[in-house]
Amino acid sequence: SGMLLTMLYPPDPSLWKEAEHFSTKVQFVRPTHFPSL
């Protein structure tokens, strides 16, 4: 499932140029356990 998710993830190189302007704060969200179940 990890391999499949990695293959299906479309990377967007245009966002790499804007990465330096992103916030350095990390916001944690509640994890979902449904796929693991």
Full PDB file with SEQRES, HELIX, SHEET, SSBOND, CRYST1, ORIGX, SCALE, CONECT and MASTER records, all heavy atoms in Angstrom:
SEQRES   1 A   37  SER GLY MET LEU LEU THR MET LEU TYR PRO PRO ASP PRO          
SEQRES   2 A   37  SER LEU TRP LYS GLU ALA GLU HIS PHE SER THR LYS VAL          
SEQRES   3 A   37  GLN PHE VAL ARG PRO THR HIS PHE PRO SER LEU                  
HELIX    1 AA1 GLY A    2  LEU A    8  1                                   7    
HELIX    2 AA2 SER A   14  GLU A   18  1                                   5    
HELIX    3 AA3 ALA A   19  HIS A   21  5                                   3    
CRYST1    1.000    1.000    1.000  90.00  90.00  90.00 P 1           1          
ORIGX1      1.000000  0.000000  0.000000        0.00000                         
ORIGX2      0.000000  1.000000  0.000000        0.00000                         
ORIGX3      0.000000  0.000000  1.000000        0.00000                         
SCALE1      1.000000  0.000000  0.000000        0.00000                         
SCALE2      0.000000  1.000000  0.000000        0.00000                         
SCALE3      0.000000  0.000000  1.000000        0.00000                         
ATOM      1  N   SER A   1       0.836  -1.206   0.000  1.00  0.00           N  
ATOM      2  CA  SER A   1       0.000   0.000   0.000  1.00  0.00           C  
ATOM      3  C   SER A   1       0.871   1.257   0.000  1.00  0.00           C  
ATOM      4  O   SER A   1       0.534   2.243  -0.656  1.00  0.00           O  
ATOM      5  CB  SER A   1      -0.955  -0.002   1.192  1.00  0.00           C  
ATOM      6  OG  SER A   1      -0.248   0.141   2.405  1.00  0.00           O  
ATOM      7  N   GLY A   2       1.998   1.209   0.694  1.00  0.00           N  
ATOM      8  CA  GLY A   2       2.929   2.342   0.648  1.00  0.00           C  
ATOM      9  C   GLY A   2       3.524   2.532  -0.729  1.00  0.00           C  
ATOM     10  O   GLY A   2       3.672   3.664  -1.209  1.00  0.00           O  
ATOM     11  N   MET A   3       3.863   1.429  -1.381  1.00  0.00           N  
ATOM     12  CA  MET A   3       4.394   1.505  -2.748  1.00  0.00           C  
ATOM     13  C   MET A   3       3.342   2.076  -3.703  1.00  0.00           C  
ATOM     14  O   MET A   3       3.645   2.902  -4.557  1.00  0.00           O  
ATOM     15  CB  MET A   3       4.824   0.114  -3.223  1.00  0.00           C  
ATOM     16  CG  MET A   3       5.981  -0.468  -2.486  1.00  0.00           C  
ATOM     17  SD  MET A   3       7.542   0.117  -3.076  1.00  0.00           S  
ATOM     18  CE  MET A   3       7.627  -0.703  -4.640  1.00  0.00           C  
ATOM     19  N   LEU A   4       2.098   1.635  -3.556  1.00  0.00           N  
ATOM     20  CA  LEU A   4       1.024   2.116  -4.415  1.00  0.00           C  
ATOM     21  C   LEU A   4       0.780   3.604  -4.205  1.00  0.00           C  
ATOM     22  O   LEU A   4       0.642   4.361  -5.172  1.00  0.00           O  
ATOM     23  CB  LEU A   4      -0.255   1.322  -4.140  1.00  0.00           C  
ATOM     24  CG  LEU A   4      -1.454   1.659  -5.001  1.00  0.00           C  
ATOM     25  CD1 LEU A   4      -1.200   1.249  -6.446  1.00  0.00           C  
ATOM     26  CD2 LEU A   4      -2.690   0.970  -4.468  1.00  0.00           C  
ATOM     27  N   LEU A   5       0.754   4.033  -2.941  1.00  0.00           N  
ATOM     28  CA  LEU A   5       0.559   5.456  -2.672  1.00  0.00           C  
ATOM     29  C   LEU A   5       1.711   6.290  -3.216  1.00  0.00           C  
ATOM     30  O   LEU A   5       1.501   7.396  -3.730  1.00  0.00           O  
ATOM     31  CB  LEU A   5       0.409   5.686  -1.169  1.00  0.00           C  
ATOM     32  CG  LEU A   5      -0.893   5.224  -0.553  1.00  0.00           C  
ATOM     33  CD1 LEU A   5      -0.830   5.350   0.965  1.00  0.00           C  
ATOM     34  CD2 LEU A   5      -2.055   6.025  -1.103  1.00  0.00           C  
ATOM     35  N   THR A   6       2.916   5.773  -3.126  1.00  0.00           N  
ATOM     36  CA  THR A   6       4.067   6.490  -3.664  1.00  0.00           C  
ATOM     37  C   THR A   6       3.995   6.582  -5.186  1.00  0.00           C  
ATOM     38  O   THR A   6       4.316   7.623  -5.766  1.00  0.00           O  
ATOM     39  CB  THR A   6       5.377   5.788  -3.239  1.00  0.00           C  
ATOM     40  OG1 THR A   6       5.417   5.724  -1.815  1.00  0.00           O  
ATOM     41  CG2 THR A   6       6.587   6.536  -3.736  1.00  0.00           C  
ATOM     42  N   MET A   7       3.565   5.509  -5.844  1.00  0.00           N  
ATOM     43  CA  MET A   7       3.463   5.524  -7.306  1.00  0.00           C  
ATOM     44  C   MET A   7       2.354   6.462  -7.778  1.00  0.00           C  
ATOM     45  O   MET A   7       2.475   7.082  -8.833  1.00  0.00           O  
ATOM     46  CB  MET A   7       3.207   4.115  -7.839  1.00  0.00           C  
ATOM     47  CG  MET A   7       4.411   3.227  -7.778  1.00  0.00           C  
ATOM     48  SD  MET A   7       4.250   1.572  -8.510  1.00  0.00           S  
ATOM     49  CE  MET A   7       2.533   1.267  -8.651  1.00  0.00           C  
ATOM     50  N   LEU A   8       1.262   6.551  -7.018  1.00  0.00           N  
ATOM     51  CA  LEU A   8       0.129   7.358  -7.456  1.00  0.00           C  
ATOM     52  C   LEU A   8       0.249   8.831  -7.061  1.00  0.00           C  
ATOM     53  O   LEU A   8      -0.558   9.644  -7.513  1.00  0.00           O  
ATOM     54  CB  LEU A   8      -1.173   6.785  -6.882  1.00  0.00           C  
ATOM     55  CG  LEU A   8      -1.553   5.399  -7.400  1.00  0.00           C  
ATOM     56  CD1 LEU A   8      -2.817   4.908  -6.708  1.00  0.00           C  
ATOM     57  CD2 LEU A   8      -1.734   5.408  -8.906  1.00  0.00           C  
ATOM     58  N   TYR A   9       1.247   9.169  -6.247  1.00  0.00           N  
ATOM     59  CA  TYR A   9       1.409  10.557  -5.817  1.00  0.00           C  
ATOM     60  C   TYR A   9       2.031  11.369  -6.940  1.00  0.00           C  
ATOM     61  O   TYR A   9       3.136  11.087  -7.382  1.00  0.00           O  
ATOM     62  CB  TYR A   9       2.297  10.636  -4.580  1.00  0.00           C  
ATOM     63  CG  TYR A   9       2.605  12.039  -4.160  1.00  0.00           C  
ATOM     64  CD1 TYR A   9       1.634  12.831  -3.567  1.00  0.00           C  
ATOM     65  CD2 TYR A   9       3.864  12.578  -4.366  1.00  0.00           C  
ATOM     66  CE1 TYR A   9       1.900  14.122  -3.180  1.00  0.00           C  
ATOM     67  CE2 TYR A   9       4.144  13.875  -3.992  1.00  0.00           C  
ATOM     68  CZ  TYR A   9       3.160  14.642  -3.397  1.00  0.00           C  
ATOM     69  OH  TYR A   9       3.433  15.922  -3.028  1.00  0.00           O  
ATOM     70  N   PRO A  10       1.315  12.399  -7.418  1.00  0.00           N  
ATOM     71  CA  PRO A  10       1.883  13.211  -8.502  1.00  0.00           C  
ATOM     72  C   PRO A  10       2.711  14.376  -7.932  1.00  0.00           C  
ATOM     73  O   PRO A  10       2.155  15.345  -7.417  1.00  0.00           O  
ATOM     74  CB  PRO A  10       0.648  13.738  -9.234  1.00  0.00           C  
ATOM     75  CG  PRO A  10      -0.404  13.805  -8.173  1.00  0.00           C  
ATOM     76  CD  PRO A  10      -0.083  12.708  -7.189  1.00  0.00           C  
ATOM     77  N   PRO A  11       4.029  14.306  -7.994  1.00  0.00           N  
ATOM     78  CA  PRO A  11       4.827  15.422  -7.484  1.00  0.00           C  
ATOM     79  C   PRO A  11       4.670  16.640  -8.390  1.00  0.00           C  
ATOM     80  O   PRO A  11       4.515  16.515  -9.610  1.00  0.00           O  
ATOM     81  CB  PRO A  11       6.255  14.889  -7.512  1.00  0.00           C  
ATOM     82  CG  PRO A  11       6.237  13.791  -8.501  1.00  0.00           C  
ATOM     83  CD  PRO A  11       4.844  13.229  -8.503  1.00  0.00           C  
ATOM     84  N   ASP A  12       4.681  17.803  -7.793  1.00  0.00           N  
ATOM     85  CA  ASP A  12       4.512  19.043  -8.537  1.00  0.00           C  
ATOM     86  C   ASP A  12       5.772  19.892  -8.364  1.00  0.00           C  
ATOM     87  O   ASP A  12       5.931  20.598  -7.370  1.00  0.00           O  
ATOM     88  CB  ASP A  12       3.288  19.795  -8.022  1.00  0.00           C  
ATOM     89  CG  ASP A  12       2.909  20.967  -8.896  1.00  0.00           C  
ATOM     90  OD1 ASP A  12       3.544  21.153  -9.955  1.00  0.00           O  
ATOM     91  OD2 ASP A  12       1.979  21.691  -8.514  1.00  0.00           O  
ATOM     92  N   PRO A  13       6.693  19.831  -9.329  1.00  0.00           N  
ATOM     93  CA  PRO A  13       7.948  20.569  -9.192  1.00  0.00           C  
ATOM     94  C   PRO A  13       7.767  22.078  -9.134  1.00  0.00           C  
ATOM     95  O   PRO A  13       8.640  22.781  -8.642  1.00  0.00           O  
ATOM     96  CB  PRO A  13       8.741  20.179 -10.446  1.00  0.00           C  
ATOM     97  CG  PRO A  13       8.107  18.948 -10.952  1.00  0.00           C  
ATOM     98  CD  PRO A  13       6.680  18.995 -10.502  1.00  0.00           C  
ATOM     99  N   SER A  14       6.648  22.589  -9.608  1.00  0.00           N  
ATOM    100  CA  SER A  14       6.445  24.041  -9.561  1.00  0.00           C  
ATOM    101  C   SER A  14       6.328  24.544  -8.121  1.00  0.00           C  
ATOM    102  O   SER A  14       6.614  25.705  -7.843  1.00  0.00           O  
ATOM    103  CB  SER A  14       5.213  24.426 -10.363  1.00  0.00           C  
ATOM    104  OG  SER A  14       4.043  23.906  -9.746  1.00  0.00           O  
ATOM    105  N   LEU A  15       5.931  23.670  -7.203  1.00  0.00           N  
ATOM    106  CA  LEU A  15       5.831  24.068  -5.800  1.00  0.00           C  
ATOM    107  C   LEU A  15       7.185  24.162  -5.118  1.00  0.00           C  
ATOM    108  O   LEU A  15       7.319  24.817  -4.101  1.00  0.00           O  
ATOM    109  CB  LEU A  15       4.939  23.094  -5.029  1.00  0.00           C  
ATOM    110  CG  LEU A  15       3.465  23.095  -5.380  1.00  0.00           C  
ATOM    111  CD1 LEU A  15       2.736  22.018  -4.598  1.00  0.00           C  
ATOM    112  CD2 LEU A  15       2.853  24.451  -5.091  1.00  0.00           C  
ATOM    113  N   TRP A  16       8.206  23.522  -5.678  1.00  0.00           N  
ATOM    114  CA  TRP A  16       9.521  23.538  -5.053  1.00  0.00           C  
ATOM    115  C   TRP A  16      10.111  24.945  -5.051  1.00  0.00           C  
ATOM    116  O   TRP A  16      10.851  25.322  -4.152  1.00  0.00           O  
ATOM    117  CB  TRP A  16      10.465  22.586  -5.769  1.00  0.00           C  
ATOM    118  CG  TRP A  16      10.044  21.147  -5.654  1.00  0.00           C  
ATOM    119  CD1 TRP A  16       9.142  20.625  -4.788  1.00  0.00           C  
ATOM    120  CD2 TRP A  16      10.499  20.070  -6.444  1.00  0.00           C  
ATOM    121  NE1 TRP A  16       9.002  19.275  -4.985  1.00  0.00           N  
ATOM    122  CE2 TRP A  16       9.834  18.901  -5.994  1.00  0.00           C  
ATOM    123  CE3 TRP A  16      11.400  19.957  -7.488  1.00  0.00           C  
ATOM    124  CZ2 TRP A  16      10.038  17.663  -6.556  1.00  0.00           C  
ATOM    125  CZ3 TRP A  16      11.614  18.709  -8.041  1.00  0.00           C  
ATOM    126  CH2 TRP A  16      10.940  17.578  -7.576  1.00  0.00           C  
ATOM    127  N   LYS A  17       9.773  25.731  -6.054  1.00  0.00           N  
ATOM    128  CA  LYS A  17      10.272  27.118  -6.116  1.00  0.00           C  
ATOM    129  C   LYS A  17       9.648  27.968  -5.016  1.00  0.00           C  
ATOM    130  O   LYS A  17      10.258  28.892  -4.515  1.00  0.00           O  
ATOM    131  CB  LYS A  17       9.970  27.725  -7.485  1.00  0.00           C  
ATOM    132  CG  LYS A  17      10.672  27.026  -8.622  1.00  0.00           C  
ATOM    133  CD  LYS A  17      10.218  27.581  -9.946  1.00  0.00           C  
ATOM    134  CE  LYS A  17      10.789  26.747 -11.077  1.00  0.00           C  
ATOM    135  NZ  LYS A  17      10.227  27.121 -12.363  1.00  0.00           N  
ATOM    136  N   GLU A  18       8.420  27.643  -4.647  1.00  0.00           N  
ATOM    137  CA  GLU A  18       7.712  28.402  -3.634  1.00  0.00           C  
ATOM    138  C   GLU A  18       7.949  27.877  -2.223  1.00  0.00           C  
ATOM    139  O   GLU A  18       7.442  28.430  -1.260  1.00  0.00           O  
ATOM    140  CB  GLU A  18       6.214  28.375  -3.931  1.00  0.00           C  
ATOM    141  CG  GLU A  18       5.848  28.924  -5.291  1.00  0.00           C  
ATOM    142  CD  GLU A  18       4.396  28.666  -5.635  1.00  0.00           C  
ATOM    143  OE1 GLU A  18       3.638  28.241  -4.744  1.00  0.00           O  
ATOM    144  OE2 GLU A  18       4.029  28.885  -6.790  1.00  0.00           O  
ATOM    145  N   ALA A  19       8.711  26.807  -2.088  1.00  0.00           N  
ATOM    146  CA  ALA A  19       8.888  26.157  -0.794  1.00  0.00           C  
ATOM    147  C   ALA A  19       9.564  27.060   0.225  1.00  0.00           C  
ATOM    148  O   ALA A  19       9.302  26.954   1.423  1.00  0.00           O  
ATOM    149  CB  ALA A  19       9.686  24.878  -0.949  1.00  0.00           C  
ATOM    150  N   GLU A  20      10.411  27.951  -0.217  1.00  0.00           N  
ATOM    151  CA  GLU A  20      11.099  28.833   0.732  1.00  0.00           C  
ATOM    152  C   GLU A  20      10.154  29.851   1.367  1.00  0.00           C  
ATOM    153  O   GLU A  20      10.457  30.402   2.412  1.00  0.00           O  
ATOM    154  CB  GLU A  20      12.256  29.546   0.044  1.00  0.00           C  
ATOM    155  CG  GLU A  20      11.816  30.424  -1.116  1.00  0.00           C  
ATOM    156  CD  GLU A  20      12.990  30.931  -1.922  1.00  0.00           C  
ATOM    157  OE1 GLU A  20      13.975  30.197  -2.071  1.00  0.00           O  
ATOM    158  OE2 GLU A  20      12.892  32.082  -2.397  1.00  0.00           O  
ATOM    159  N   HIS A  21       8.992  30.052   0.781  1.00  0.00           N  
ATOM    160  CA  HIS A  21       8.020  31.000   1.324  1.00  0.00           C  
ATOM    161  C   HIS A  21       6.973  30.340   2.216  1.00  0.00           C  
ATOM    162  O   HIS A  21       6.125  31.018   2.784  1.00  0.00           O  
ATOM    163  CB  HIS A  21       7.309  31.742   0.187  1.00  0.00           C  
ATOM    164  CG  HIS A  21       8.245  32.468  -0.716  1.00  0.00           C  
ATOM    165  ND1 HIS A  21       9.025  33.513  -0.295  1.00  0.00           N  
ATOM    166  CD2 HIS A  21       8.550  32.260  -2.019  1.00  0.00           C  
ATOM    167  CE1 HIS A  21       9.757  33.953  -1.300  1.00  0.00           C  
ATOM    168  NE2 HIS A  21       9.485  33.193  -2.365  1.00  0.00           N  
ATOM    169  N   PHE A  22       7.036  29.027   2.324  1.00  0.00           N  
ATOM    170  CA  PHE A  22       6.076  28.315   3.163  1.00  0.00           C  
ATOM    171  C   PHE A  22       6.360  28.559   4.632  1.00  0.00           C  
ATOM    172  O   PHE A  22       7.481  28.850   5.037  1.00  0.00           O  
ATOM    173  CB  PHE A  22       6.103  26.813   2.887  1.00  0.00           C  
ATOM    174  CG  PHE A  22       5.525  26.417   1.554  1.00  0.00           C  
ATOM    175  CD1 PHE A  22       5.877  25.220   0.975  1.00  0.00           C  
ATOM    176  CD2 PHE A  22       4.635  27.232   0.881  1.00  0.00           C  
ATOM    177  CE1 PHE A  22       5.358  24.839  -0.246  1.00  0.00           C  
ATOM    178  CE2 PHE A  22       4.106  26.863  -0.339  1.00  0.00           C  
ATOM    179  CZ  PHE A  22       4.468  25.675  -0.910  1.00  0.00           C  
ATOM    180  N   SER A  23       5.343  28.396   5.438  1.00  0.00           N  
ATOM    181  CA  SER A  23       5.485  28.562   6.882  1.00  0.00           C  
ATOM    182  C   SER A  23       6.324  27.426   7.460  1.00  0.00           C  
ATOM    183  O   SER A  23       6.270  26.285   6.994  1.00  0.00           O  
ATOM    184  CB  SER A  23       4.098  28.553   7.536  1.00  0.00           C  
ATOM    185  OG  SER A  23       4.226  28.550   8.926  1.00  0.00           O  
ATOM    186  N   THR A  24       7.084  27.751   8.487  1.00  0.00           N  
ATOM    187  CA  THR A  24       7.909  26.722   9.135  1.00  0.00           C  
ATOM    188  C   THR A  24       7.187  26.076  10.303  1.00  0.00           C  
ATOM    189  O   THR A  24       7.708  25.173  10.934  1.00  0.00           O  
ATOM    190  CB  THR A  24       9.233  27.327   9.637  1.00  0.00           C  
ATOM    191  OG1 THR A  24       8.935  28.402  10.524  1.00  0.00           O  
ATOM    192  CG2 THR A  24      10.065  27.821   8.475  1.00  0.00           C  
ATOM    193  N   LYS A  25       5.966  26.536  10.590  1.00  0.00           N  
ATOM    194  CA  LYS A  25       5.181  25.927  11.662  1.00  0.00           C  
ATOM    195  C   LYS A  25       4.584  24.617  11.178  1.00  0.00           C  
ATOM    196  O   LYS A  25       4.141  24.493  10.042  1.00  0.00           O  
ATOM    197  CB  LYS A  25       4.043  26.846  12.108  1.00  0.00           C  
ATOM    198  CG  LYS A  25       4.493  28.036  12.897  1.00  0.00           C  
ATOM    199  CD  LYS A  25       3.288  28.786  13.401  1.00  0.00           C  
ATOM    200  CE  LYS A  25       3.713  29.951  14.246  1.00  0.00           C  
ATOM    201  NZ  LYS A  25       2.554  30.673  14.769  1.00  0.00           N  
ATOM    202  N   VAL A  26       4.564  23.650  12.066  1.00  0.00           N  
ATOM    203  CA  VAL A  26       3.978  22.358  11.753  1.00  0.00           C  
ATOM    204  C   VAL A  26       2.672  22.231  12.513  1.00  0.00           C  
ATOM    205  O   VAL A  26       2.625  22.450  13.724  1.00  0.00           O  
ATOM    206  CB  VAL A  26       4.930  21.203  12.151  1.00  0.00           C  
ATOM    207  CG1 VAL A  26       4.276  19.863  11.890  1.00  0.00           C  
ATOM    208  CG2 VAL A  26       6.242  21.321  11.411  1.00  0.00           C  
ATOM    209  N   GLN A  27       1.622  21.928  11.802  1.00  0.00           N  
ATOM    210  CA  GLN A  27       0.326  21.760  12.431  1.00  0.00           C  
ATOM    211  C   GLN A  27      -0.049  20.286  12.367  1.00  0.00           C  
ATOM    212  O   GLN A  27      -0.180  19.707  11.290  1.00  0.00           O  
ATOM    213  CB  GLN A  27      -0.731  22.590  11.710  1.00  0.00           C  
ATOM    214  CG  GLN A  27      -2.090  22.483  12.341  1.00  0.00           C  
ATOM    215  CD  GLN A  27      -3.112  23.336  11.612  1.00  0.00           C  
ATOM    216  OE1 GLN A  27      -2.792  23.998  10.638  1.00  0.00           O  
ATOM    217  NE2 GLN A  27      -4.319  23.320  12.086  1.00  0.00           N  
ATOM    218  N   PHE A  28      -0.183  19.685  13.534  1.00  0.00           N  
ATOM    219  CA  PHE A  28      -0.546  18.282  13.601  1.00  0.00           C  
ATOM    220  C   PHE A  28      -2.055  18.147  13.581  1.00  0.00           C  
ATOM    221  O   PHE A  28      -2.761  18.874  14.255  1.00  0.00           O  
ATOM    222  CB  PHE A  28       0.020  17.631  14.866  1.00  0.00           C  
ATOM    223  CG  PHE A  28       1.509  17.548  14.865  1.00  0.00           C  
ATOM    224  CD1 PHE A  28       2.282  18.451  15.560  1.00  0.00           C  
ATOM    225  CD2 PHE A  28       2.144  16.557  14.141  1.00  0.00           C  
ATOM    226  CE1 PHE A  28       3.658  18.376  15.552  1.00  0.00           C  
ATOM    227  CE2 PHE A  28       3.520  16.459  14.121  1.00  0.00           C  
ATOM    228  CZ  PHE A  28       4.279  17.374  14.834  1.00  0.00           C  
ATOM    229  N   VAL A  29      -2.525  17.212  12.797  1.00  0.00           N  
ATOM    230  CA  VAL A  29      -3.952  16.941  12.726  1.00  0.00           C  
ATOM    231  C   VAL A  29      -4.193  15.552  13.280  1.00  0.00           C  
ATOM    232  O   VAL A  29      -3.279  14.746  13.420  1.00  0.00           O  
ATOM    233  CB  VAL A  29      -4.476  17.045  11.279  1.00  0.00           C  
ATOM    234  CG1 VAL A  29      -4.378  18.471  10.776  1.00  0.00           C  
ATOM    235  CG2 VAL A  29      -3.750  16.103  10.362  1.00  0.00           C  
ATOM    236  N   ARG A  30      -5.419  15.273  13.568  1.00  0.00           N  
ATOM    237  CA  ARG A  30      -5.770  13.970  14.123  1.00  0.00           C  
ATOM    238  C   ARG A  30      -5.587  12.893  13.049  1.00  0.00           C  
ATOM    239  O   ARG A  30      -6.135  12.997  11.958  1.00  0.00           O  
ATOM    240  CB  ARG A  30      -7.214  14.001  14.594  1.00  0.00           C  
ATOM    241  CG  ARG A  30      -7.613  12.764  15.315  1.00  0.00           C  
ATOM    242  CD  ARG A  30      -8.967  12.916  15.903  1.00  0.00           C  
ATOM    243  NE  ARG A  30      -9.288  11.682  16.592  1.00  0.00           N  
ATOM    244  CZ  ARG A  30     -10.475  11.413  17.035  1.00  0.00           C  
ATOM    245  NH1 ARG A  30     -11.454  12.265  16.877  1.00  0.00           N  
ATOM    246  NH2 ARG A  30     -10.697  10.279  17.643  1.00  0.00           N  
ATOM    247  N   PRO A  31      -4.808  11.862  13.347  1.00  0.00           N  
ATOM    248  CA  PRO A  31      -4.563  10.830  12.327  1.00  0.00           C  
ATOM    249  C   PRO A  31      -5.798   9.957  12.111  1.00  0.00           C  
ATOM    250  O   PRO A  31      -6.617   9.779  13.008  1.00  0.00           O  
ATOM    251  CB  PRO A  31      -3.417  10.015  12.905  1.00  0.00           C  
ATOM    252  CG  PRO A  31      -3.548  10.188  14.375  1.00  0.00           C  
ATOM    253  CD  PRO A  31      -4.099  11.584  14.583  1.00  0.00           C  
ATOM    254  N   THR A  32      -5.901   9.429  10.935  1.00  0.00           N  
ATOM    255  CA  THR A  32      -6.974   8.495  10.637  1.00  0.00           C  
ATOM    256  C   THR A  32      -6.407   7.080  10.662  1.00  0.00           C  
ATOM    257  O   THR A  32      -5.346   6.809  10.102  1.00  0.00           O  
ATOM    258  CB  THR A  32      -7.633   8.796   9.283  1.00  0.00           C  
ATOM    259  OG1 THR A  32      -8.608   7.794   9.042  1.00  0.00           O  
ATOM    260  CG2 THR A  32      -6.642   8.836   8.155  1.00  0.00           C  
ATOM    261  N   HIS A  33      -7.107   6.190  11.319  1.00  0.00           N  
ATOM    262  CA  HIS A  33      -6.649   4.813  11.447  1.00  0.00           C  
ATOM    263  C   HIS A  33      -7.425   3.873  10.526  1.00  0.00           C  
ATOM    264  O   HIS A  33      -7.204   2.669  10.561  1.00  0.00           O  
ATOM    265  CB  HIS A  33      -6.795   4.344  12.898  1.00  0.00           C  
ATOM    266  CG  HIS A  33      -5.955   5.121  13.848  1.00  0.00           C  
ATOM    267  ND1 HIS A  33      -4.592   5.025  13.869  1.00  0.00           N  
ATOM    268  CD2 HIS A  33      -6.279   6.025  14.797  1.00  0.00           C  
ATOM    269  CE1 HIS A  33      -4.108   5.816  14.800  1.00  0.00           C  
ATOM    270  NE2 HIS A  33      -5.113   6.446  15.372  1.00  0.00           N  
ATOM    271  N   PHE A  34      -8.300   4.419   9.720  1.00  0.00           N  
ATOM    272  CA  PHE A  34      -9.142   3.591   8.853  1.00  0.00           C  
ATOM    273  C   PHE A  34      -8.338   2.745   7.853  1.00  0.00           C  
ATOM    274  O   PHE A  34      -8.603   1.545   7.723  1.00  0.00           O  
ATOM    275  CB  PHE A  34     -10.177   4.459   8.132  1.00  0.00           C  
ATOM    276  CG  PHE A  34     -11.178   3.672   7.363  1.00  0.00           C  
ATOM    277  CD1 PHE A  34     -12.129   2.902   8.009  1.00  0.00           C  
ATOM    278  CD2 PHE A  34     -11.157   3.680   5.980  1.00  0.00           C  
ATOM    279  CE1 PHE A  34     -13.049   2.159   7.297  1.00  0.00           C  
ATOM    280  CE2 PHE A  34     -12.071   2.941   5.257  1.00  0.00           C  
ATOM    281  CZ  PHE A  34     -13.018   2.185   5.916  1.00  0.00           C  
ATOM    282  N   PRO A  35      -7.354   3.310   7.132  1.00  0.00           N  
ATOM    283  CA  PRO A  35      -6.585   2.459   6.202  1.00  0.00           C  
ATOM    284  C   PRO A  35      -5.847   1.322   6.906  1.00  0.00           C  
ATOM    285  O   PRO A  35      -5.785   0.206   6.392  1.00  0.00           O  
ATOM    286  CB  PRO A  35      -5.597   3.428   5.548  1.00  0.00           C  
ATOM    287  CG  PRO A  35      -6.233   4.758   5.688  1.00  0.00           C  
ATOM    288  CD  PRO A  35      -6.986   4.716   6.988  1.00  0.00           C  
ATOM    289  N   SER A  36      -5.311   1.582   8.083  1.00  0.00           N  
ATOM    290  CA  SER A  36      -4.621   0.527   8.826  1.00  0.00           C  
ATOM    291  C   SER A  36      -5.605  -0.546   9.286  1.00  0.00           C  
ATOM    292  O   SER A  36      -5.271  -1.738   9.295  1.00  0.00           O  
ATOM    293  CB  SER A  36      -3.901   1.103  10.037  1.00  0.00           C  
ATOM    294  OG  SER A  36      -2.855   1.927   9.618  1.00  0.00           O  
ATOM    295  N   LEU A  37      -6.809  -0.140   9.654  1.00  0.00           N  
ATOM    296  CA  LEU A  37      -7.820  -1.122  10.053  1.00  0.00           C  
ATOM    297  C   LEU A  37      -8.245  -1.992   8.885  1.00  0.00           C  
ATOM    298  O   LEU A  37      -8.482  -3.194   9.047  1.00  0.00           O  
ATOM    299  CB  LEU A  37      -9.027  -0.416  10.668  1.00  0.00           C  
ATOM    300  CG  LEU A  37      -8.804   0.209  12.047  1.00  0.00           C  
ATOM    301  CD1 LEU A  37     -10.044   0.971  12.487  1.00  0.00           C  
ATOM    302  CD2 LEU A  37      -8.458  -0.859  13.056  1.00  0.00           C  
TER     303      LEU A  37                                                      
MASTER        0    0    0    3    0    0    0    6  302    1    0    3          
END                                                                             
